[in-house]
């Protein structure tokens, strides 16, 4: 179940609960006896990448369960840190994976339960599912219950102080609709950000001078401008290797900028998603004052569309 965009007014809703929006990777955990799968939004099992979570079944008070939550890595301030998570995402060496699992251990922060001991719970209201979840999870360093409060405004105030992602608002009476973007869950962002598809890059003064961005409008991919700030030289080196392997001759967007050859734009297969901070989307459908935030390793390109900038 996915959330729609909310506003500050939604922090005052009655019969809603509020949770911090975690800077991590969305994971559905399938637990059956001692067996476990940690599946991200692209349908990939991430257990091999995070071996420290193999013991999760020990802390589940059930023979089987299906859980929904965020996989996160805490920094020295005790806050979920997406940059630390990225340091582990693309490692393939077993030795390196084991080393990083000790250096940057992951925690699974659970906010919903969809099934327990073979019984489907998605038609139960959220309030009842939460009670079942609390009875099912035994918290420790690798699994935690998502913090929840009825005071959305107070939580958002704290989120702003920490410069964190935002707040999730959820209707306590809501059922769970797998794969759907529902009005019963709302995300109220602290920062104005948008998830875009990287459709190319320019290389005027360095390997990557700017990333070319796109969004889907229906089935058509629309060019929405370039972002050239927010990344380090080290990051550029790492990203360049990834994007070089995705080079294509055919322009992936239907409206390439007329001066694209002047800027030495290299077009790539639209497979990589990134999060960008911005001021506004202009009438000409271009991002104003964009700043790169991070690569979204968990989000499929198909979900990067103009609906993100619409208010509910």
Protein backbone atom coordinates (compact mmCIF):
# COMPACT_ATOMS: atom_id res chain seq x y z
CA UNK A 1 0.00 0.00 0.00
CA UNK A 2 1.36 3.39 -1.01
CA UNK A 3 0.61 6.91 0.20
CA UNK A 4 -0.67 9.99 -1.57
CA UNK A 5 0.72 13.49 -1.02
CA UNK A 6 -0.68 15.31 2.01
CA UNK A 7 -0.48 18.87 3.36
CA UNK A 8 0.17 20.43 6.75
CA UNK A 9 -3.60 20.54 7.31
CA UNK A 10 -3.63 16.74 7.33
CA UNK A 11 -1.63 16.81 10.56
CA UNK A 12 -4.86 17.78 12.35
CA UNK A 13 -7.04 14.91 11.12
CA UNK A 14 -9.19 13.08 13.65
CA UNK A 15 -9.00 9.27 13.85
CA UNK A 16 -5.55 9.34 12.25
CA UNK A 17 -2.21 8.16 13.61
CA UNK A 18 1.13 9.66 12.66
CA UNK A 19 4.52 8.05 12.06
CA UNK A 20 7.92 9.46 11.06
CA UNK A 21 8.70 8.97 7.38
CA UNK A 22 11.82 6.80 7.49
CA UNK A 23 14.78 7.38 5.18
CA UNK A 24 15.25 3.73 4.21
CA UNK A 25 14.15 0.99 1.84
CA UNK A 26 10.58 -0.33 1.84
CA UNK A 27 10.58 -4.07 2.53
CA UNK A 28 7.88 -6.74 2.76
CA UNK A 29 9.12 -9.55 5.02
CA UNK A 30 7.78 -13.06 4.38
CA UNK A 31 8.44 -15.31 7.38
CA UNK A 32 7.67 -19.02 7.41
CA UNK A 33 9.21 -20.96 10.27
CA UNK A 34 12.95 -20.27 10.13
CA UNK A 35 12.78 -19.15 6.50
CA UNK A 36 12.63 -15.49 5.57
CA UNK A 37 12.48 -13.35 2.41
CA UNK A 38 12.99 -9.57 2.44
CA UNK A 39 11.42 -8.30 -0.79
CA UNK A 40 11.81 -4.69 -1.97
CA UNK A 41 9.47 -2.78 -4.28
CA UNK A 42 11.26 -4.14 -7.32
CA UNK A 43 10.52 -7.70 -6.23
CA UNK A 44 14.14 -8.46 -5.26
CA UNK A 45 14.97 -10.49 -2.14
CA UNK A 46 17.53 -8.46 -0.16
CA UNK A 47 18.36 -11.01 2.54
CA UNK A 48 21.71 -11.87 0.96
CA UNK A 49 22.63 -8.17 1.15
CA UNK A 50 21.64 -7.95 4.83
CA UNK A 51 22.62 -11.28 6.45
CA UNK A 52 22.30 -9.87 9.97
CA UNK A 53 18.51 -9.98 9.47
CA UNK A 54 18.40 -13.76 8.93
CA UNK A 55 17.49 -14.17 12.63
CA UNK A 56 14.28 -12.12 12.34
CA UNK A 57 12.04 -15.22 12.70
CA UNK A 58 13.37 -15.65 16.26
CA UNK A 59 11.66 -12.42 17.23
CA UNK A 60 8.29 -13.13 15.64
CA UNK A 61 5.60 -14.56 17.89
CA UNK A 62 4.07 -16.62 15.07
CA UNK A 63 4.82 -19.62 12.88
CA UNK A 64 4.40 -17.47 9.80
CA UNK A 65 3.81 -13.79 9.07
CA UNK A 66 3.90 -11.16 6.34
CA UNK A 67 5.17 -7.78 7.57
CA UNK A 68 5.50 -4.35 5.98
CA UNK A 69 8.20 -1.92 7.03
CA UNK A 70 11.38 0.02 6.29
CA UNK A 71 14.90 -1.33 6.29
CA UNK A 72 17.14 1.38 7.72
CA UNK A 73 20.64 2.00 9.05
CA UNK A 74 21.07 4.37 11.98
CA UNK A 75 23.93 6.87 12.09
CA UNK A 76 25.87 8.02 15.16
CA UNK A 77 23.04 10.48 15.97
CA UNK A 78 20.52 7.65 16.09
CA UNK A 79 18.78 8.75 12.88
CA UNK A 80 18.08 6.60 9.79
CA UNK A 81 20.78 7.47 7.24
CA UNK A 82 20.17 6.68 3.57
CA UNK A 83 23.81 7.37 2.68
CA UNK A 84 24.90 4.54 4.98
CA UNK A 85 22.29 2.29 3.42
CA UNK A 86 23.67 3.02 -0.06
CA UNK A 87 27.12 1.95 1.08
CA UNK A 88 25.74 -1.57 1.44
CA UNK A 89 23.32 -1.79 -1.47
CA UNK A 90 25.68 -2.51 -4.35
CA UNK A 91 28.23 -4.77 -2.67
CA UNK A 92 28.43 -8.29 -4.11
CA UNK A 93 31.46 -9.77 -2.34
CA UNK A 94 30.42 -12.02 0.56
CA UNK A 95 33.43 -10.87 2.55
CA UNK A 96 32.54 -7.20 2.05
CA UNK A 97 28.86 -7.84 2.81
CA UNK A 98 29.74 -9.56 6.11
CA UNK A 99 32.15 -6.76 7.00
CA UNK A 100 29.64 -3.99 6.29
CA UNK A 101 26.88 -5.86 8.16
CA UNK A 102 28.99 -5.47 11.30
CA UNK A 103 30.14 -1.92 10.53
CA UNK A 104 26.71 -0.61 9.46
CA UNK A 105 24.09 -3.05 10.81
CA UNK A 106 20.56 -2.75 9.46
CA UNK A 107 17.31 -2.58 11.41
CA UNK A 108 13.89 -3.59 10.13
CA UNK A 109 11.33 -1.02 11.34
CA UNK A 110 7.89 -2.60 11.05
CA UNK A 111 4.68 -0.58 10.69
CA UNK A 112 2.12 -3.13 9.47
CA UNK A 113 1.21 -6.81 9.46
CA UNK A 114 -0.64 -8.31 6.49
CA UNK A 115 -0.84 -11.95 7.48
CA UNK A 116 -0.28 -14.07 10.58
CA UNK A 117 -0.24 -17.87 10.84
CA UNK A 118 -1.96 -18.15 7.46
CA UNK A 119 -4.74 -15.68 8.32
CA UNK A 120 -4.97 -12.63 6.04
CA UNK A 121 -5.32 -9.36 7.94
CA UNK A 122 -5.52 -6.79 5.15
CA UNK A 123 -9.28 -6.33 5.58
CA UNK A 124 -8.88 -5.54 9.27
CA UNK A 125 -8.75 -1.83 10.19
CA UNK A 126 -5.28 -0.39 10.80
CA UNK A 127 -5.95 0.05 14.51
CA UNK A 128 -6.62 -3.69 14.90
CA UNK A 129 -3.66 -4.65 12.69
CA UNK A 130 -1.39 -2.49 14.88
CA UNK A 131 -2.56 -4.29 18.02
CA UNK A 132 -1.85 -7.67 16.39
CA UNK A 133 1.55 -6.38 15.26
CA UNK A 134 2.46 -5.29 18.78
CA UNK A 135 1.58 -8.78 20.05
CA UNK A 136 3.68 -10.38 17.30
CA UNK A 137 6.96 -8.44 17.37
CA UNK A 138 9.62 -8.85 20.05
CA UNK A 139 11.77 -5.76 19.63
CA UNK A 140 15.58 -5.81 19.70
CA UNK A 141 18.49 -4.37 17.71
CA UNK A 142 17.41 -5.89 14.36
CA UNK A 143 13.63 -5.39 14.48
CA UNK A 144 11.62 -2.49 15.87
CA UNK A 145 8.05 -1.25 15.87
CA UNK A 146 7.49 2.04 14.09
CA UNK A 147 6.87 4.92 16.51
CA UNK A 148 3.27 6.10 16.40
CA UNK A 149 1.42 9.09 17.87
CA UNK A 150 -1.95 10.84 17.65
CA UNK A 151 -0.28 14.29 17.69
CA UNK A 152 0.72 14.94 14.09
CA UNK A 153 1.65 18.58 14.54
CA UNK A 154 4.01 17.85 17.42
CA UNK A 155 5.67 15.03 15.48
CA UNK A 156 6.13 17.25 12.42
CA UNK A 157 7.69 19.94 14.60
CA UNK A 158 10.24 17.39 15.81
CA UNK A 159 10.85 16.19 12.26
CA UNK A 160 11.66 19.74 11.19
CA UNK A 161 14.09 20.17 14.09
CA UNK A 162 15.91 17.03 12.96
CA UNK A 163 15.68 18.03 9.27
CA UNK A 164 14.21 14.57 8.64
CA UNK A 165 12.05 13.36 5.74
CA UNK A 166 8.52 13.99 6.91
CA UNK A 167 5.45 12.41 8.51
CA UNK A 168 3.07 9.63 7.47
CA UNK A 169 -0.61 10.15 8.34
CA UNK A 170 -2.77 7.01 8.41
CA UNK A 171 -6.50 6.50 8.91
CA UNK A 172 -6.97 4.14 11.86
CA UNK A 173 -10.04 2.64 10.18
CA UNK A 174 -8.30 1.93 6.87
CA UNK A 175 -7.88 -1.50 5.33
CA UNK A 176 -4.68 -2.44 3.51
CA UNK A 177 -4.75 -2.28 -0.30
CA UNK A 178 -1.63 -4.06 -1.66
CA UNK A 179 0.16 -2.12 -4.40
CA UNK A 180 -2.40 0.70 -4.42
CA UNK A 181 -1.76 4.37 -3.75
CA UNK A 182 -4.48 5.16 -1.24
CA UNK A 183 -5.96 8.38 0.17
CA UNK A 184 -6.09 6.63 3.56
CA UNK A 185 -2.28 7.01 3.84
CA UNK A 186 -0.76 10.45 3.34
CA UNK A 187 2.85 11.62 3.32
CA UNK A 188 3.53 15.14 4.54
CA UNK A 189 7.02 16.08 3.43
CA UNK A 190 9.39 18.32 5.34
CA UNK A 191 11.32 18.96 2.12
CA UNK A 192 9.80 19.56 -1.32
CA UNK A 193 11.22 16.63 -3.24
CA UNK A 194 10.33 14.57 -6.28
CA UNK A 195 11.49 11.19 -7.57
CA UNK A 196 12.73 11.41 -11.16
CA UNK A 197 14.12 9.04 -13.74
CA UNK A 198 17.67 9.72 -14.92
CA UNK A 199 17.35 9.73 -18.72
CA UNK A 200 20.85 10.96 -19.53
CA UNK A 201 23.79 13.07 -18.44
CA UNK A 202 25.89 15.93 -19.80
CA UNK A 203 29.69 15.94 -19.64
CA UNK A 204 30.86 19.43 -20.48
CA UNK A 205 33.53 19.94 -17.79
CA UNK A 206 33.66 16.58 -16.01
CA UNK A 207 32.45 13.01 -16.50
CA UNK A 208 29.01 14.06 -15.29
CA UNK A 209 28.26 17.78 -15.30
CA UNK A 210 24.53 17.32 -14.82
CA UNK A 211 21.90 14.59 -14.76
CA UNK A 212 19.01 14.81 -17.22
CA UNK A 213 15.67 14.05 -15.63
CA UNK A 214 12.33 12.72 -16.80
CA UNK A 215 8.83 11.89 -15.57
CA UNK A 216 6.11 9.77 -17.07
CA UNK A 217 2.91 11.35 -18.35
CA UNK A 218 0.82 8.32 -19.11
CA UNK A 219 3.18 6.09 -21.09
CA UNK A 220 5.22 8.99 -22.46
CA UNK A 221 8.49 10.03 -20.83
CA UNK A 222 8.81 13.81 -20.52
CA UNK A 223 12.09 15.71 -20.09
CA UNK A 224 11.87 18.04 -17.05
CA UNK A 225 15.34 19.56 -16.94
CA UNK A 226 18.80 18.91 -15.52
CA UNK A 227 20.31 18.86 -12.05
CA UNK A 228 23.99 19.71 -11.60
CA UNK A 229 24.30 20.29 -7.86
CA UNK A 230 24.19 18.07 -4.79
CA UNK A 231 26.74 15.37 -5.64
CA UNK A 232 30.42 14.92 -4.83
CA UNK A 233 33.28 14.00 -7.14
CA UNK A 234 33.51 10.57 -5.51
CA UNK A 235 29.81 9.98 -6.12
CA UNK A 236 30.17 11.06 -9.76
CA UNK A 237 32.91 8.46 -10.28
CA UNK A 238 30.70 5.70 -8.87
CA UNK A 239 27.58 6.80 -10.76
CA UNK A 240 29.44 7.25 -14.05
CA UNK A 241 30.31 3.54 -14.18
CA UNK A 242 26.65 2.63 -13.68
CA UNK A 243 25.31 5.08 -16.27
CA UNK A 244 27.96 4.23 -18.86
CA UNK A 245 26.60 0.68 -18.96
CA UNK A 246 23.12 2.03 -19.73
CA UNK A 247 23.99 4.20 -22.77
CA UNK A 248 21.52 4.07 -25.67
CA UNK A 249 21.33 5.75 -29.07
CA UNK A 250 17.58 6.34 -29.09
CA UNK A 251 16.44 9.43 -27.16
CA UNK A 252 14.17 8.14 -24.36
CA UNK A 253 12.10 11.36 -23.90
CA UNK A 254 9.59 12.77 -26.39
CA UNK A 255 10.71 16.39 -25.84
CA UNK A 256 14.52 16.55 -25.72
CA UNK A 257 15.93 20.08 -25.29
CA UNK A 258 16.86 21.60 -28.68
CA UNK A 259 20.43 22.30 -27.51
CA UNK A 260 21.12 18.78 -26.19
CA UNK A 261 24.03 18.21 -28.59
CA UNK A 262 25.63 21.47 -27.46
CA UNK A 263 25.64 20.18 -23.88
CA UNK A 264 27.11 16.80 -24.91
CA UNK A 265 24.17 14.88 -23.48
CA UNK A 266 24.52 11.10 -23.39
CA UNK A 267 21.13 9.35 -23.30
CA UNK A 268 20.65 6.27 -21.15
CA UNK A 269 18.09 3.55 -20.59
CA UNK A 270 15.52 4.97 -18.14
CA UNK A 271 16.18 2.50 -15.33
CA UNK A 272 17.71 4.62 -12.53
CA UNK A 273 15.62 6.72 -10.14
CA UNK A 274 16.85 9.66 -8.07
CA UNK A 275 15.32 12.04 -5.54
CA UNK A 276 15.62 15.76 -6.24
CA UNK A 277 14.82 18.78 -4.06
CA UNK A 278 13.22 21.67 -5.98
CA UNK A 279 11.37 24.98 -5.63
CA UNK A 280 8.58 24.40 -8.14
CA UNK A 281 7.60 22.80 -11.42
CA UNK A 282 7.25 25.57 -14.03
CA UNK A 283 4.40 25.84 -16.54
CA UNK A 284 6.87 24.59 -19.11
CA UNK A 285 7.21 21.38 -17.03
CA UNK A 286 10.77 21.97 -15.86
CA UNK A 287 12.10 21.82 -12.31
CA UNK A 288 13.15 25.17 -10.87
CA UNK A 289 16.33 25.23 -8.73
CA UNK A 290 16.74 21.45 -8.51
CA UNK A 291 19.31 19.89 -6.18
CA UNK A 292 20.24 16.20 -6.23
CA UNK A 293 19.49 14.33 -2.99
CA UNK A 294 20.11 10.62 -3.55
CA UNK A 295 19.66 7.60 -5.79
CA UNK A 296 16.41 5.78 -5.02
CA UNK A 297 17.43 2.12 -5.01
CA UNK A 298 13.97 0.98 -3.97
CA UNK A 299 11.62 2.79 -6.36
CA UNK A 300 10.68 1.52 -9.85
CA UNK A 301 10.79 4.07 -12.72
CA UNK A 302 7.13 3.36 -13.55
CA UNK A 303 6.12 5.25 -10.39
CA UNK A 304 7.95 8.44 -11.37
CA UNK A 305 5.15 10.56 -12.79
CA UNK A 306 3.62 14.02 -12.55
CA UNK A 307 1.09 12.85 -9.97
CA UNK A 308 3.83 13.37 -7.36
CA UNK A 309 3.58 17.16 -7.62
CA UNK A 310 -0.20 17.29 -7.35
CA UNK A 311 -1.87 17.94 -4.07
CA UNK A 312 -4.38 15.31 -3.08
